[in-house]
C-alpha atoms as a PDB file:
ATOM      1  CA  UNK A   1     -21.800   8.208  18.350  1.00  0.00           C
ATOM      2  CA  UNK A   2     -25.269   9.321  19.502  1.00  0.00           C
ATOM      3  CA  UNK A   3     -25.864  13.035  19.301  1.00  0.00           C
ATOM      4  CA  UNK A   4     -26.155  14.524  22.806  1.00  0.00           C
ATOM      5  CA  UNK A   5     -29.547  15.939  23.794  1.00  0.00           C
ATOM      6  CA  UNK A   6     -29.230  19.761  23.705  1.00  0.00           C
ATOM      7  CA  UNK A   7     -31.984  20.040  26.327  1.00  0.00           C
ATOM      8  CA  UNK A   8     -30.372  17.814  28.925  1.00  0.00           C
ATOM      9  CA  UNK A   9     -29.612  19.407  32.250  1.00  0.00           C
ATOM     10  CA  UNK A  10     -26.610  17.160  32.793  1.00  0.00           C
ATOM     11  CA  UNK A  11     -23.328  18.882  31.940  1.00  0.00           C
ATOM     12  CA  UNK A  12     -21.439  17.250  29.081  1.00  0.00           C
ATOM     13  CA  UNK A  13     -18.046  16.266  30.446  1.00  0.00           C
ATOM     14  CA  UNK A  14     -17.044  13.411  28.138  1.00  0.00           C
ATOM     15  CA  UNK A  15     -14.299  14.802  25.802  1.00  0.00           C
ATOM     16  CA  UNK A  16     -15.506  12.737  22.848  1.00  0.00           C
ATOM     17  CA  UNK A  17     -19.083  14.043  23.186  1.00  0.00           C
ATOM     18  CA  UNK A  18     -17.808  17.587  23.587  1.00  0.00           C
ATOM     19  CA  UNK A  19     -15.732  17.222  20.413  1.00  0.00           C
ATOM     20  CA  UNK A  20     -18.713  15.733  18.554  1.00  0.00           C
ATOM     21  CA  UNK A  21     -20.846  18.695  19.613  1.00  0.00           C
ATOM     22  CA  UNK A  22     -18.166  21.166  18.557  1.00  0.00           C
ATOM     23  CA  UNK A  23     -17.748  19.558  15.143  1.00  0.00           C
ATOM     24  CA  UNK A  24     -21.514  19.473  14.709  1.00  0.00           C
ATOM     25  CA  UNK A  25     -21.877  23.176  15.535  1.00  0.00           C
ATOM     26  CA  UNK A  26     -19.048  24.109  13.172  1.00  0.00           C
ATOM     27  CA  UNK A  27     -20.457  22.002  10.343  1.00  0.00           C
ATOM     28  CA  UNK A  28     -24.006  23.333  10.794  1.00  0.00           C
ATOM     29  CA  UNK A  29     -22.689  26.889  10.927  1.00  0.00           C
ATOM     30  CA  UNK A  30     -20.592  26.494   7.787  1.00  0.00           C
ATOM     31  CA  UNK A  31     -23.352  24.762   5.831  1.00  0.00           C
ATOM     32  CA  UNK A  32     -25.955  27.290   6.969  1.00  0.00           C
ATOM     33  CA  UNK A  33     -23.711  30.107   5.802  1.00  0.00           C
ATOM     34  CA  UNK A  34     -23.213  28.357   2.469  1.00  0.00           C
ATOM     35  CA  UNK A  35     -26.960  27.779   2.009  1.00  0.00           C
ATOM     36  CA  UNK A  36     -27.546  31.486   2.656  1.00  0.00           C
ATOM     37  CA  UNK A  37     -24.764  32.700   0.399  1.00  0.00           C
ATOM     38  CA  UNK A  38     -26.000  34.762  -2.550  1.00  0.00           C
ATOM     39  CA  UNK A  39     -23.245  35.808  -4.987  1.00  0.00           C
ATOM     40  CA  UNK A  40     -25.848  37.921  -6.726  1.00  0.00           C
ATOM     41  CA  UNK A  41     -28.542  39.571  -4.572  1.00  0.00           C
ATOM     42  CA  UNK A  42     -31.634  37.373  -4.583  1.00  0.00           C
ATOM     43  CA  UNK A  43     -29.874  34.409  -6.211  1.00  0.00           C
ATOM     44  CA  UNK A  44     -28.532  31.952  -3.701  1.00  0.00           C
ATOM     45  CA  UNK A  45     -26.133  29.165  -4.665  1.00  0.00           C
ATOM     46  CA  UNK A  46     -27.263  25.658  -5.583  1.00  0.00           C
ATOM     47  CA  UNK A  47     -26.850  24.232  -2.093  1.00  0.00           C
ATOM     48  CA  UNK A  48     -27.357  20.612  -3.179  1.00  0.00           C
ATOM     49  CA  UNK A  49     -24.484  20.950  -5.631  1.00  0.00           C
ATOM     50  CA  UNK A  50     -22.371  22.644  -2.962  1.00  0.00           C
ATOM     51  CA  UNK A  51     -23.061  19.884  -0.423  1.00  0.00           C
ATOM     52  CA  UNK A  52     -22.303  17.154  -2.948  1.00  0.00           C
ATOM     53  CA  UNK A  53     -18.981  18.834  -3.771  1.00  0.00           C
ATOM     54  CA  UNK A  54     -18.127  19.051  -0.057  1.00  0.00           C
ATOM     55  CA  UNK A  55     -18.900  15.365   0.518  1.00  0.00           C
ATOM     56  CA  UNK A  56     -16.896  14.433  -2.564  1.00  0.00           C
ATOM     57  CA  UNK A  57     -13.886  16.339  -1.241  1.00  0.00           C
ATOM     58  CA  UNK A  58     -14.258  14.729   2.196  1.00  0.00           C
ATOM     59  CA  UNK A  59     -14.521  11.259   0.656  1.00  0.00           C
ATOM     60  CA  UNK A  60     -11.462  11.950  -1.465  1.00  0.00           C
ATOM     61  CA  UNK A  61      -9.468  13.175   1.526  1.00  0.00           C
ATOM     62  CA  UNK A  62     -10.399   9.960   3.344  1.00  0.00           C
ATOM     63  CA  UNK A  63      -9.514   7.838   0.326  1.00  0.00           C
ATOM     64  CA  UNK A  64     -12.891   6.470  -0.762  1.00  0.00           C
ATOM     65  CA  UNK A  65     -16.636   7.037  -0.545  1.00  0.00           C
ATOM     66  CA  UNK A  66     -16.978   3.969   1.674  1.00  0.00           C
ATOM     67  CA  UNK A  67     -14.912   5.677   4.357  1.00  0.00           C
ATOM     68  CA  UNK A  68     -17.788   8.153   4.834  1.00  0.00           C
ATOM     69  CA  UNK A  69     -19.957   5.359   6.159  1.00  0.00           C
ATOM     70  CA  UNK A  70     -17.306   3.067   7.666  1.00  0.00           C
ATOM     71  CA  UNK A  71     -18.847   1.097  10.488  1.00  0.00           C
ATOM     72  CA  UNK A  72     -22.393   2.162   9.594  1.00  0.00           C
ATOM     73  CA  UNK A  73     -22.946   0.425   6.268  1.00  0.00           C
ATOM     74  CA  UNK A  74     -26.564  -0.437   7.108  1.00  0.00           C
ATOM     75  CA  UNK A  75     -27.694   2.942   8.418  1.00  0.00           C
ATOM     76  CA  UNK A  76     -30.704   4.504   6.646  1.00  0.00           C
ATOM     77  CA  UNK A  77     -28.712   7.351   5.125  1.00  0.00           C
ATOM     78  CA  UNK A  78     -25.833   5.274   3.808  1.00  0.00           C
ATOM     79  CA  UNK A  79     -27.180   4.720   0.289  1.00  0.00           C
ATOM     80  CA  UNK A  80     -28.175   8.360  -0.113  1.00  0.00           C
ATOM     81  CA  UNK A  81     -24.859   9.579   1.259  1.00  0.00           C
ATOM     82  CA  UNK A  82     -22.876   7.397  -1.117  1.00  0.00           C
ATOM     83  CA  UNK A  83     -24.948   8.534  -4.087  1.00  0.00           C
ATOM     84  CA  UNK A  84     -24.689  12.199  -3.107  1.00  0.00           C
ATOM     85  CA  UNK A  85     -20.916  12.018  -2.628  1.00  0.00           C
ATOM     86  CA  UNK A  86     -20.533  10.285  -5.986  1.00  0.00           C
ATOM     87  CA  UNK A  87     -22.726  12.851  -7.681  1.00  0.00           C
ATOM     88  CA  UNK A  88     -25.078  10.276  -9.160  1.00  0.00           C
ATOM     89  CA  UNK A  89     -26.761   6.966  -8.407  1.00  0.00           C
ATOM     90  CA  UNK A  90     -24.822   3.883  -7.331  1.00  0.00           C
ATOM     91  CA  UNK A  91     -25.766   2.127 -10.564  1.00  0.00           C
ATOM     92  CA  UNK A  92     -24.270   4.874 -12.700  1.00  0.00           C
ATOM     93  CA  UNK A  93     -21.107   5.242 -10.624  1.00  0.00           C
ATOM     94  CA  UNK A  94     -19.270   1.909 -10.534  1.00  0.00           C
ATOM     95  CA  UNK A  95     -16.512   1.424  -7.973  1.00  0.00           C
ATOM     96  CA  UNK A  96     -13.995   0.656 -10.715  1.00  0.00           C
ATOM     97  CA  UNK A  97     -14.072   4.305 -11.752  1.00  0.00           C
ATOM     98  CA  UNK A  98     -14.253   5.736  -8.259  1.00  0.00           C
ATOM     99  CA  UNK A  99     -10.587   6.671  -7.906  1.00  0.00           C
ATOM    100  CA  UNK A 100     -10.491   8.470 -11.247  1.00  0.00           C
ATOM    101  CA  UNK A 101     -13.673  10.316 -10.355  1.00  0.00           C
ATOM    102  CA  UNK A 102     -12.611  11.250  -6.833  1.00  0.00           C
ATOM    103  CA  UNK A 103      -8.949  12.098  -7.329  1.00  0.00           C
ATOM    104  CA  UNK A 104      -9.337  15.602  -8.831  1.00  0.00           C
ATOM    105  CA  UNK A 105     -11.382  16.629  -5.768  1.00  0.00           C
ATOM    106  CA  UNK A 106      -8.676  15.717  -3.239  1.00  0.00           C
ATOM    107  CA  UNK A 107      -7.653  18.682  -1.062  1.00  0.00           C
ATOM    108  CA  UNK A 108      -5.233  17.036   1.378  1.00  0.00           C
ATOM    109  CA  UNK A 109      -1.720  15.896   0.547  1.00  0.00           C
ATOM    110  CA  UNK A 110      -0.931  12.205   0.179  1.00  0.00           C
ATOM    111  CA  UNK A 111       1.848  10.419   2.042  1.00  0.00           C
ATOM    112  CA  UNK A 112       2.639   7.007   0.568  1.00  0.00           C
ATOM    113  CA  UNK A 113       4.622   4.855   3.029  1.00  0.00           C
ATOM    114  CA  UNK A 114       7.360   2.636   1.635  1.00  0.00           C
ATOM    115  CA  UNK A 115       8.847  -0.036   3.882  1.00  0.00           C
ATOM    116  CA  UNK A 116      11.541  -1.585   1.699  1.00  0.00           C
ATOM    117  CA  UNK A 117      12.278  -4.594   3.956  1.00  0.00           C
ATOM    118  CA  UNK A 118       8.530  -5.306   3.808  1.00  0.00           C
ATOM    119  CA  UNK A 119       8.693  -5.144   0.001  1.00  0.00           C
ATOM    120  CA  UNK A 120      11.565  -7.644  -0.049  1.00  0.00           C
ATOM    121  CA  UNK A 121       9.902 -10.005   2.410  1.00  0.00           C
ATOM    122  CA  UNK A 122       6.596 -10.045   0.502  1.00  0.00           C
ATOM    123  CA  UNK A 123       8.047 -10.392  -3.003  1.00  0.00           C
ATOM    124  CA  UNK A 124       7.238 -13.759  -4.558  1.00  0.00           C
ATOM    125  CA  UNK A 125       6.784 -15.024  -8.097  1.00  0.00           C
ATOM    126  CA  UNK A 126       5.223 -18.191  -9.494  1.00  0.00           C
ATOM    127  CA  UNK A 127       7.670 -20.760 -10.838  1.00  0.00           C
ATOM    128  CA  UNK A 128       7.071 -23.988 -12.737  1.00  0.00           C
ATOM    129  CA  UNK A 129       9.029 -26.959 -11.489  1.00  0.00           C
ATOM    130  CA  UNK A 130       9.391 -30.686 -12.052  1.00  0.00           C
ATOM    131  CA  UNK A 131       8.711 -32.627  -8.833  1.00  0.00           C
ATOM    132  CA  UNK A 132      10.255 -36.012  -8.195  1.00  0.00           C
ATOM    133  CA  UNK A 133       8.002 -39.064  -8.709  1.00  0.00           C
ATOM    134  CA  UNK A 134       7.561 -39.325  -4.943  1.00  0.00           C
ATOM    135  CA  UNK A 135       6.662 -35.608  -4.635  1.00  0.00           C
ATOM    136  CA  UNK A 136       4.238 -35.861  -7.567  1.00  0.00           C
ATOM    137  CA  UNK A 137       2.454 -38.829  -5.998  1.00  0.00           C
ATOM    138  CA  UNK A 138       2.027 -36.960  -2.698  1.00  0.00           C
ATOM    139  CA  UNK A 139       0.803 -33.836  -4.511  1.00  0.00           C
ATOM    140  CA  UNK A 140      -1.740 -35.807  -6.539  1.00  0.00           C
ATOM    141  CA  UNK A 141      -2.929 -37.682  -3.458  1.00  0.00           C
ATOM    142  CA  UNK A 142      -3.350 -34.452  -1.483  1.00  0.00           C
ATOM    143  CA  UNK A 143      -5.239 -32.760  -4.326  1.00  0.00           C
ATOM    144  CA  UNK A 144      -7.491 -35.771  -4.874  1.00  0.00           C
ATOM    145  CA  UNK A 145      -8.353 -35.974  -1.155  1.00  0.00           C
ATOM    146  CA  UNK A 146      -9.288 -32.285  -1.065  1.00  0.00           C
ATOM    147  CA  UNK A 147     -11.598 -32.752  -4.056  1.00  0.00           C
ATOM    148  CA  UNK A 148     -13.015 -36.043  -2.784  1.00  0.00           C
ATOM    149  CA  UNK A 149     -12.052 -38.008  -5.907  1.00  0.00           C
ATOM    150  CA  UNK A 150      -9.582 -40.756  -6.772  1.00  0.00           C
ATOM    151  CA  UNK A 151      -6.198 -39.988  -8.314  1.00  0.00           C
ATOM    152  CA  UNK A 152      -7.353 -41.648 -11.547  1.00  0.00           C
ATOM    153  CA  UNK A 153     -10.460 -39.424 -11.691  1.00  0.00           C
ATOM    154  CA  UNK A 154      -8.296 -36.371 -10.958  1.00  0.00           C
ATOM    155  CA  UNK A 155      -5.935 -37.208 -13.823  1.00  0.00           C
ATOM    156  CA  UNK A 156      -8.880 -37.736 -16.206  1.00  0.00           C
ATOM    157  CA  UNK A 157     -10.444 -34.460 -15.072  1.00  0.00           C
ATOM    158  CA  UNK A 158      -7.217 -32.539 -15.639  1.00  0.00           C
ATOM    159  CA  UNK A 159      -6.452 -34.364 -18.910  1.00  0.00           C
ATOM    160  CA  UNK A 160      -3.128 -35.769 -17.742  1.00  0.00           C
ATOM    161  CA  UNK A 161      -0.691 -34.900 -15.007  1.00  0.00           C
ATOM    162  CA  UNK A 162      -0.948 -31.199 -14.128  1.00  0.00           C
ATOM    163  CA  UNK A 163       1.957 -28.785 -14.407  1.00  0.00           C
ATOM    164  CA  UNK A 164       3.207 -28.008 -10.942  1.00  0.00           C
ATOM    165  CA  UNK A 165       3.781 -24.446  -9.828  1.00  0.00           C
ATOM    166  CA  UNK A 166       5.199 -23.030  -6.644  1.00  0.00           C
ATOM    167  CA  UNK A 167       5.791 -19.610  -5.153  1.00  0.00           C
ATOM    168  CA  UNK A 168       9.441 -18.669  -4.725  1.00  0.00           C
ATOM    169  CA  UNK A 169      11.034 -15.578  -3.260  1.00  0.00           C
ATOM    170  CA  UNK A 170      12.087 -12.988  -5.825  1.00  0.00           C
ATOM    171  CA  UNK A 171      15.029 -12.080  -3.589  1.00  0.00           C
ATOM    172  CA  UNK A 172      16.622 -15.045  -1.829  1.00  0.00           C
ATOM    173  CA  UNK A 173      17.197 -14.691   1.902  1.00  0.00           C
ATOM    174  CA  UNK A 174      20.951 -15.016   1.279  1.00  0.00           C
ATOM    175  CA  UNK A 175      20.802 -11.950  -1.003  1.00  0.00           C
ATOM    176  CA  UNK A 176      19.315  -9.579   1.577  1.00  0.00           C
ATOM    177  CA  UNK A 177      21.144  -6.831   3.457  1.00  0.00           C
ATOM    178  CA  UNK A 178      20.899  -8.683   6.753  1.00  0.00           C
ATOM    179  CA  UNK A 179      22.346 -11.904   5.324  1.00  0.00           C
ATOM    180  CA  UNK A 180      25.232 -10.149   3.581  1.00  0.00           C
ATOM    181  CA  UNK A 181      26.017  -8.025   6.631  1.00  0.00           C
ATOM    182  CA  UNK A 182      26.066 -11.136   8.820  1.00  0.00           C
ATOM    183  CA  UNK A 183      28.271 -12.952   6.284  1.00  0.00           C
ATOM    184  CA  UNK A 184      30.741 -10.047   6.321  1.00  0.00           C
ATOM    185  CA  UNK A 185      30.799 -10.086  10.112  1.00  0.00           C
ATOM    186  CA  UNK A 186      31.233 -13.865  10.334  1.00  0.00           C
ATOM    187  CA  UNK A 187      34.092 -13.809   7.812  1.00  0.00           C
ATOM    188  CA  UNK A 188      36.185 -11.903  10.342  1.00  0.00           C
ATOM    189  CA  UNK A 189      34.795 -13.589  13.442  1.00  0.00           C
ATOM    190  CA  UNK A 190      37.953 -15.558  14.115  1.00  0.00           C
ATOM    191  CA  UNK A 191      41.234 -15.405  15.921  1.00  0.00           C
ATOM    192  CA  UNK A 192      43.860 -13.054  14.384  1.00  0.00           C
ATOM    193  CA  UNK A 193      46.101 -14.748  11.819  1.00  0.00           C
ATOM    194  CA  UNK A 194      49.872 -14.800  12.096  1.00  0.00           C
ATOM    195  CA  UNK A 195      51.235 -11.259  11.936  1.00  0.00           C
ATOM    196  CA  UNK A 196      47.709  -9.774  12.335  1.00  0.00           C
ATOM    197  CA  UNK A 197      46.634  -7.872  15.421  1.00  0.00           C
ATOM    198  CA  UNK A 198      43.160  -7.991  16.940  1.00  0.00           C
ATOM    199  CA  UNK A 199      42.706  -4.289  16.209  1.00  0.00           C
ATOM    200  CA  UNK A 200      43.515  -4.870  12.544  1.00  0.00           C
ATOM    201  CA  UNK A 201      41.045  -7.734  12.421  1.00  0.00           C
ATOM    202  CA  UNK A 202      38.299  -5.604  14.034  1.00  0.00           C
ATOM    203  CA  UNK A 203      39.031  -2.720  11.637  1.00  0.00           C
ATOM    204  CA  UNK A 204      38.744  -5.049   8.640  1.00  0.00           C
ATOM    205  CA  UNK A 205      35.466  -6.396  10.008  1.00  0.00           C
ATOM    206  CA  UNK A 206      34.082  -2.867  10.463  1.00  0.00           C
ATOM    207  CA  UNK A 207      35.185  -1.927   6.938  1.00  0.00           C
ATOM    208  CA  UNK A 208      33.456  -4.944   5.431  1.00  0.00           C
ATOM    209  CA  UNK A 209      30.217  -4.201   7.294  1.00  0.00           C
ATOM    210  CA  UNK A 210      30.311  -0.539   6.235  1.00  0.00           C
ATOM    211  CA  UNK A 211      30.833  -1.552   2.602  1.00  0.00           C
ATOM    212  CA  UNK A 212      27.788  -3.835   2.735  1.00  0.00           C
ATOM    213  CA  UNK A 213      25.716  -1.103   4.395  1.00  0.00           C
ATOM    214  CA  UNK A 214      26.791   1.538   1.859  1.00  0.00           C
ATOM    215  CA  UNK A 215      26.012  -0.787  -1.063  1.00  0.00           C
ATOM    216  CA  UNK A 216      22.529  -1.567   0.237  1.00  0.00           C
ATOM    217  CA  UNK A 217      21.808   2.067   1.091  1.00  0.00           C
ATOM    218  CA  UNK A 218      22.514   2.972  -2.544  1.00  0.00           C
ATOM    219  CA  UNK A 219      20.146   0.196  -3.630  1.00  0.00           C
ATOM    220  CA  UNK A 220      17.422   1.369  -1.233  1.00  0.00           C
ATOM    221  CA  UNK A 221      17.836   4.965  -2.406  1.00  0.00           C
ATOM    222  CA  UNK A 222      17.581   4.017  -6.075  1.00  0.00           C
ATOM    223  CA  UNK A 223      14.546   1.837  -5.424  1.00  0.00           C
ATOM    224  CA  UNK A 224      12.838   4.592  -3.402  1.00  0.00           C
ATOM    225  CA  UNK A 225      13.535   7.189  -6.115  1.00  0.00           C
ATOM    226  CA  UNK A 226      12.115   4.958  -8.851  1.00  0.00           C
ATOM    227  CA  UNK A 227       9.128   4.004  -6.679  1.00  0.00           C
ATOM    228  CA  UNK A 228       8.380   7.688  -6.001  1.00  0.00           C
ATOM    229  CA  UNK A 229       8.649   8.537  -9.702  1.00  0.00           C
ATOM    230  CA  UNK A 230       6.143   5.831 -10.632  1.00  0.00           C
ATOM    231  CA  UNK A 231       3.745   6.886  -7.854  1.00  0.00           C
ATOM    232  CA  UNK A 232       3.934  10.510  -8.999  1.00  0.00           C
ATOM    233  CA  UNK A 233       3.226   9.616 -12.621  1.00  0.00           C
ATOM    234  CA  UNK A 234       0.152   7.610 -11.600  1.00  0.00           C
ATOM    235  CA  UNK A 235      -1.020  10.393  -9.276  1.00  0.00           C
ATOM    236  CA  UNK A 236      -0.939  12.870 -12.146  1.00  0.00           C
ATOM    237  CA  UNK A 237      -2.720  10.398 -14.427  1.00  0.00           C
ATOM    238  CA  UNK A 238      -5.522  10.166 -11.861  1.00  0.00           C
ATOM    239  CA  UNK A 239      -5.777  13.947 -11.832  1.00  0.00           C
ATOM    240  CA  UNK A 240      -4.484  14.525  -8.305  1.00  0.00           C
ATOM    241  CA  UNK A 241      -3.400  18.127  -7.877  1.00  0.00           C
ATOM    242  CA  UNK A 242      -2.141  17.832  -4.289  1.00  0.00           C
ATOM    243  CA  UNK A 243       1.421  17.020  -3.201  1.00  0.00           C
ATOM    244  CA  UNK A 244       2.337  13.326  -3.200  1.00  0.00           C
ATOM    245  CA  UNK A 245       5.207  12.250  -0.959  1.00  0.00           C
ATOM    246  CA  UNK A 246       6.761   8.813  -0.637  1.00  0.00           C
ATOM    247  CA  UNK A 247       7.943   8.433   2.955  1.00  0.00           C
ATOM    248  CA  UNK A 248      10.632   5.842   3.554  1.00  0.00           C
ATOM    249  CA  UNK A 249      13.900   5.025   5.314  1.00  0.00           C
ATOM    250  CA  UNK A 250      16.887   4.085   3.151  1.00  0.00           C
ATOM    251  CA  UNK A 251      19.484   3.465   5.875  1.00  0.00           C
ATOM    252  CA  UNK A 252      19.489  -0.363   5.864  1.00  0.00           C
ATOM    253  CA  UNK A 253      20.027  -0.732   9.602  1.00  0.00           C
ATOM    254  CA  UNK A 254      16.989   1.479  10.291  1.00  0.00           C
ATOM    255  CA  UNK A 255      14.762   0.665   7.302  1.00  0.00           C
ATOM    256  CA  UNK A 256      12.606  -1.762   9.271  1.00  0.00           C
ATOM    257  CA  UNK A 257      11.317   1.091  11.484  1.00  0.00           C
ATOM    258  CA  UNK A 258       9.703   2.873   8.526  1.00  0.00           C
ATOM    259  CA  UNK A 259       5.908   2.995   8.532  1.00  0.00           C
ATOM    260  CA  UNK A 260       4.396  -0.312   7.368  1.00  0.00           C
ATOM    261  CA  UNK A 261       3.256  -0.649   3.790  1.00  0.00           C
ATOM    262  CA  UNK A 262      -0.441   0.245   3.376  1.00  0.00           C
ATOM    263  CA  UNK A 263      -3.366  -2.157   3.587  1.00  0.00           C
ATOM    264  CA  UNK A 264      -6.590  -1.623   1.651  1.00  0.00           C
ATOM    265  CA  UNK A 265      -8.876  -2.602   4.497  1.00  0.00           C
ATOM    266  CA  UNK A 266      -9.851   0.520   6.442  1.00  0.00           C
ATOM    267  CA  UNK A 267      -7.090   2.452   4.685  1.00  0.00           C
ATOM    268  CA  UNK A 268      -6.816   5.282   2.193  1.00  0.00           C
ATOM    269  CA  UNK A 269      -7.706   3.626  -1.111  1.00  0.00           C
ATOM    270  CA  UNK A 270      -5.931   6.316  -3.156  1.00  0.00           C
ATOM    271  CA  UNK A 271      -2.700   5.921  -1.183  1.00  0.00           C
ATOM    272  CA  UNK A 272      -2.984   2.145  -1.486  1.00  0.00           C
ATOM    273  CA  UNK A 273      -3.580   2.364  -5.229  1.00  0.00           C
ATOM    274  CA  UNK A 274      -0.489   4.520  -5.754  1.00  0.00           C
ATOM    275  CA  UNK A 275       1.548   2.114  -3.609  1.00  0.00           C
ATOM    276  CA  UNK A 276       0.301  -0.929  -5.519  1.00  0.00           C
ATOM    277  CA  UNK A 277       0.962   0.699  -8.882  1.00  0.00           C
ATOM    278  CA  UNK A 278       4.503   1.780  -8.005  1.00  0.00           C
ATOM    279  CA  UNK A 279       5.303  -1.530  -6.322  1.00  0.00           C
ATOM    280  CA  UNK A 280       4.195  -3.577  -9.324  1.00  0.00           C
ATOM    281  CA  UNK A 281       6.389  -1.802 -11.884  1.00  0.00           C
ATOM    282  CA  UNK A 282       9.441  -0.655  -9.928  1.00  0.00           C
ATOM    283  CA  UNK A 283      12.222  -3.033 -11.057  1.00  0.00           C
ATOM    284  CA  UNK A 284      13.313  -5.561  -8.463  1.00  0.00           C
ATOM    285  CA  UNK A 285      16.764  -5.398 -10.079  1.00  0.00           C
ATOM    286  CA  UNK A 286      17.295  -2.194  -8.108  1.00  0.00           C
ATOM    287  CA  UNK A 287      17.431  -4.320  -4.956  1.00  0.00           C
ATOM    288  CA  UNK A 288      19.421  -7.255  -6.326  1.00  0.00           C
ATOM    289  CA  UNK A 289      22.206  -5.629  -8.318  1.00  0.00           C
ATOM    290  CA  UNK A 290      24.266  -2.483  -8.647  1.00  0.00           C
ATOM    291  CA  UNK A 291      23.650  -1.749 -12.310  1.00  0.00           C
ATOM    292  CA  UNK A 292      21.035   0.889 -13.047  1.00  0.00           C
ATOM    293  CA  UNK A 293      18.190  -0.470 -15.243  1.00  0.00           C
ATOM    294  CA  UNK A 294      15.749   1.671 -17.231  1.00  0.00           C
ATOM    295  CA  UNK A 295      14.004   3.956 -14.739  1.00  0.00           C
ATOM    296  CA  UNK A 296      11.604   5.685 -17.143  1.00  0.00           C
ATOM    297  CA  UNK A 297       8.483   5.909 -14.928  1.00  0.00           C
ATOM    298  CA  UNK A 298       6.234   5.983 -17.992  1.00  0.00           C
ATOM    299  CA  UNK A 299       7.422   2.553 -19.172  1.00  0.00           C
ATOM    300  CA  UNK A 300       5.915  -0.524 -17.554  1.00  0.00           C
ATOM    301  CA  UNK A 301       8.290  -3.522 -17.539  1.00  0.00           C
ATOM    302  CA  UNK A 302       6.886  -6.732 -18.963  1.00  0.00           C
ATOM    303  CA  UNK A 303       7.997  -8.819 -15.987  1.00  0.00           C
ATOM    304  CA  UNK A 304       6.119  -7.050 -13.209  1.00  0.00           C
ATOM    305  CA  UNK A 305       6.130  -9.302 -10.151  1.00  0.00           C
ATOM    306  CA  UNK A 306       3.184 -10.541  -8.136  1.00  0.00           C
ATOM    307  CA  UNK A 307       3.370  -9.375  -4.557  1.00  0.00           C
ATOM    308  CA  UNK A 308       1.613 -10.290  -1.361  1.00  0.00           C
ATOM    309  CA  UNK A 309       0.592  -7.115   0.421  1.00  0.00           C
ATOM    310  CA  UNK A 310      -2.013  -4.594  -0.606  1.00  0.00           C
ATOM    311  CA  UNK A 311      -4.972  -6.374  -2.157  1.00  0.00           C
END
């Protein structure tokens, strides 16, 4: 937004421009007061250090340094602003270490959304399989056409027939809450048997649906608790001193209305990192069975799945 001209005779009526002007006045006032602050008479504070600390805290509250310049990556002050917020030059402050460097400066609480149906829907793992001769021929032909070579050249290049892999769902559609609830309902979707009343049939149907719902609510609750424990452990490892809350819905019928799982693009990178970390090591067995596996949040399971969301 362009700063309004303070000398214009035209009244400022646009709410956005009025808010910009208010924020600008408040920021200038606060920074001017800080630049004039002298803890000891005649010895004012290091204002450059103060300003860098403020920008670091702002960047941390937003989730990353890049959020300070979102939408204005090519503006003249972008490079200087990034360097100032990071406390040193871009070359000496690689992005890989940004979260660890920023996290201790965070002043606002973190809310990590957890949409469990979204977790289930996006959970896939790579599986090796043996295609039929007909499938293999079609796969080789398709791959050769994409590379612009013959099948013979492709086989020579790959030193024999390649091992085929495919992505499969970690949790089959038939093993989801919705599928099991529908199966319970359909089991009793019939005419009453001999000696059975319609009310008895409806009561049995309701009981079966409630049992499915209660079972999946326990699974959702256990998954959410483990997920939150892992996110908290990682938050403390990063040095975050602010509250971290995992926000979710564990009632299966309502779980889909929970906030969507985070996306890195234009999002809070710290929140997304905590979500990714917890997602990768929270056991899927919590959503596929009723036995309680090891939930030690400091132990990373060897079979962490590959997921298709925050990347």
